[in-house]
Protein backbone atom coordinates (compact mmCIF):
# COMPACT_ATOMS: atom_id res chain seq x y z
CA MET A 1 -89.01 -71.97 -77.99
CA SER A 2 -90.43 -74.30 -80.63
CA VAL A 3 -88.40 -75.43 -83.64
CA TYR A 4 -91.45 -74.38 -85.70
CA ARG A 5 -91.38 -70.78 -84.46
CA VAL A 6 -90.59 -68.24 -87.16
CA GLU A 7 -89.34 -64.75 -86.29
CA LYS A 8 -92.00 -62.16 -87.15
CA SER A 9 -92.30 -58.39 -86.98
CA GLU A 10 -95.51 -56.56 -86.17
CA LEU A 11 -97.06 -54.00 -88.52
CA PRO A 12 -99.81 -51.75 -87.12
CA VAL A 13 -102.89 -51.71 -89.40
CA VAL A 14 -106.51 -50.67 -89.51
CA VAL A 15 -108.67 -53.29 -91.24
CA PHE A 16 -111.95 -52.11 -92.78
CA GLN A 17 -114.49 -54.91 -93.23
CA ALA A 18 -117.32 -55.19 -95.77
CA ASP A 19 -119.89 -55.23 -92.93
CA GLY A 20 -118.72 -51.76 -91.83
CA SER A 21 -116.70 -52.94 -88.84
CA ILE A 22 -113.18 -51.64 -88.24
CA MET A 23 -110.39 -53.63 -86.59
CA LYS A 24 -107.29 -51.87 -85.23
CA GLY A 25 -104.26 -53.93 -84.34
CA VAL A 26 -101.22 -55.62 -85.86
CA VAL A 27 -100.43 -58.22 -88.48
CA PHE A 28 -97.35 -60.41 -88.35
CA LEU A 29 -94.79 -60.24 -91.15
CA SER A 30 -91.92 -62.65 -91.71
CA THR A 31 -88.33 -61.47 -91.82
CA THR A 32 -88.03 -63.12 -95.24
CA ALA A 33 -90.44 -63.18 -98.16
CA TYR A 34 -91.27 -66.35 -100.07
CA ILE A 35 -91.55 -64.74 -103.50
CA HIS A 36 -88.69 -62.19 -103.53
CA ALA A 37 -85.52 -61.21 -101.68
CA GLY A 38 -86.03 -59.14 -98.56
CA LYS A 39 -88.64 -58.85 -95.86
CA GLN A 40 -92.25 -59.88 -96.31
CA THR A 41 -94.60 -56.98 -97.01
CA LEU A 42 -98.27 -56.64 -96.15
CA LEU A 43 -99.12 -57.22 -99.81
CA ASP A 44 -97.02 -60.42 -99.77
CA LEU A 45 -98.99 -61.62 -96.73
CA LEU A 46 -102.31 -60.96 -98.45
CA LYS A 47 -101.22 -62.73 -101.64
CA GLU A 48 -100.12 -65.91 -99.85
CA PRO A 49 -102.29 -69.00 -100.38
CA GLY A 50 -105.13 -69.40 -97.92
CA ASP A 51 -108.12 -67.24 -97.05
CA PHE A 52 -107.06 -66.25 -93.52
CA PHE A 53 -104.16 -64.49 -91.79
CA PRO A 54 -103.32 -63.91 -88.10
CA PHE A 55 -104.31 -60.61 -86.47
CA ARG A 56 -103.98 -59.22 -82.94
CA SER A 57 -106.29 -56.38 -81.89
CA GLU A 58 -105.22 -53.31 -79.90
CA SER A 59 -106.76 -54.93 -76.82
CA GLY A 60 -104.52 -58.00 -77.28
CA GLU A 61 -107.17 -60.39 -78.63
CA PHE A 62 -105.88 -62.81 -81.27
CA CYS A 63 -107.91 -64.02 -84.25
CA VAL A 64 -107.52 -65.20 -87.80
CA THR A 65 -109.14 -62.84 -90.30
CA ASN A 66 -110.77 -63.65 -93.63
CA LYS A 67 -109.05 -61.78 -96.49
CA GLN A 68 -112.18 -61.80 -98.67
CA THR A 69 -114.30 -59.83 -96.17
CA ILE A 70 -111.82 -56.93 -96.10
CA THR A 71 -112.56 -53.86 -98.21
CA HIS A 72 -109.25 -52.15 -97.48
CA ILE A 73 -106.39 -51.99 -94.99
CA ARG A 74 -104.70 -48.75 -93.86
CA PHE A 75 -101.01 -48.96 -92.94
CA GLU A 76 -97.79 -46.99 -92.78
CA PRO A 77 -95.12 -48.79 -94.79
CA PRO A 78 -91.77 -49.53 -93.15
CA GLU A 79 -89.05 -47.08 -94.15
CA GLN A 80 -87.32 -49.44 -96.58
CA GLU A 81 -90.53 -49.72 -98.65
CA GLU A 82 -90.71 -45.93 -99.03
CA ARG A 83 -87.59 -45.97 -101.23
CA TYR A 84 -89.31 -47.87 -104.05
CA GLN A 85 -90.26 -45.53 -106.89
CA SER A 86 -92.55 -46.94 -109.54
CA LEU A 87 -92.17 -46.01 -113.18
CA GLY A 88 -95.88 -46.58 -113.89
CA ASP A 89 -98.51 -43.94 -114.63
CA ARG A 90 -100.09 -42.38 -111.55
CA GLU A 91 -103.84 -41.80 -111.59
CA ASP A 92 -106.04 -40.13 -108.98
CA VAL A 93 -109.15 -42.23 -108.40
CA GLU A 94 -112.31 -42.41 -106.33
CA ILE A 95 -113.35 -45.88 -105.15
CA LYS A 96 -116.83 -46.85 -104.00
CA PHE A 97 -117.21 -50.12 -102.13
CA ALA A 98 -120.22 -52.42 -102.23
CA GLY A 99 -121.33 -51.20 -98.77
CA GLY A 100 -121.29 -47.55 -99.86
CA GLU A 101 -118.00 -46.44 -98.29
CA GLN A 102 -115.75 -44.27 -100.45
CA LEU A 103 -111.99 -43.89 -100.59
CA GLY A 104 -109.90 -41.58 -102.75
CA GLY A 105 -106.24 -41.57 -103.61
CA THR A 106 -103.65 -42.37 -106.22
CA VAL A 107 -102.92 -45.71 -107.88
CA THR A 108 -99.84 -46.46 -109.93
CA ILE A 109 -100.71 -48.28 -113.12
CA GLU A 110 -97.80 -50.56 -113.99
CA MET A 111 -99.07 -52.29 -117.10
CA PRO A 112 -97.63 -53.18 -120.50
CA GLU A 113 -97.59 -50.42 -123.10
CA GLY A 114 -100.99 -50.05 -124.74
CA ARG A 115 -102.77 -51.52 -121.69
CA SER A 116 -102.34 -48.70 -119.20
CA ARG A 117 -105.95 -47.58 -118.88
CA LEU A 118 -107.69 -47.68 -115.51
CA LEU A 119 -109.98 -50.40 -116.92
CA ASP A 120 -106.97 -52.55 -117.89
CA PHE A 121 -105.41 -52.05 -114.45
CA ILE A 122 -108.47 -52.93 -112.39
CA ASN A 123 -109.32 -55.96 -114.56
CA ALA A 124 -105.74 -57.27 -114.24
CA MET A 125 -105.68 -56.98 -110.45
CA GLY A 126 -106.07 -60.12 -108.44
CA GLY A 127 -106.55 -59.68 -104.73
CA PHE A 128 -105.27 -56.37 -103.37
CA PHE A 129 -103.71 -53.27 -104.94
CA LEU A 130 -101.98 -50.23 -103.45
CA LEU A 131 -103.72 -46.86 -103.11
CA GLN A 132 -101.99 -43.83 -101.56
CA ASN A 133 -103.33 -40.51 -100.33
CA ASP A 134 -102.16 -37.73 -98.01
CA GLU A 135 -103.33 -39.66 -94.94
CA ALA A 136 -101.84 -43.13 -95.44
CA HIS A 137 -101.24 -46.12 -97.67
CA TYR A 138 -104.06 -48.58 -98.32
CA LEU A 139 -104.31 -52.04 -99.77
CA VAL A 140 -107.68 -52.31 -101.50
CA ASN A 141 -109.46 -55.61 -102.09
CA VAL A 142 -110.50 -55.55 -105.76
CA THR A 143 -113.34 -58.02 -105.11
CA GLN A 144 -115.02 -55.52 -102.75
CA VAL A 145 -114.84 -52.55 -105.17
CA ARG A 146 -118.27 -51.56 -106.55
CA ASP A 147 -116.79 -49.00 -108.92
CA ILE A 148 -113.65 -46.96 -109.48
CA SER A 149 -113.39 -43.74 -111.45
CA PRO A 150 -110.77 -41.12 -112.27
CA LYS A 151 -110.96 -37.98 -110.10
CA ARG A 152 -111.78 -34.89 -112.06
């Protein structure tokens, strides 16, 4: 074992790319986060400096994946993440990506008072934001969103 080896856990994900391709496999999360106490989350991984992260496909092939080409990532959060309850306003939305794909679900708008509109939220996002629906949790790449609108 190398002195540079860091213990990692695997999180199963489905990565949806802007070109329409879909990658099923796992990402590798650290047992400690750099920016808060506790384990690293998928969002932490995506917010780390650098444009790429390691990925292993279901068939066992390893690659490094470009964060900017991802439209969204589907995942099931570990149990300890499920306990977090946000105090923000929940809004049901419909997202359309630049390639035409659509995704619906609920976002939690955690913004300062007076700036809690969907417009304020999406303009304040850098990188990825959480969207939940009955099927799964998603991290959505704001730079790949063509438009987002409240569900009626």
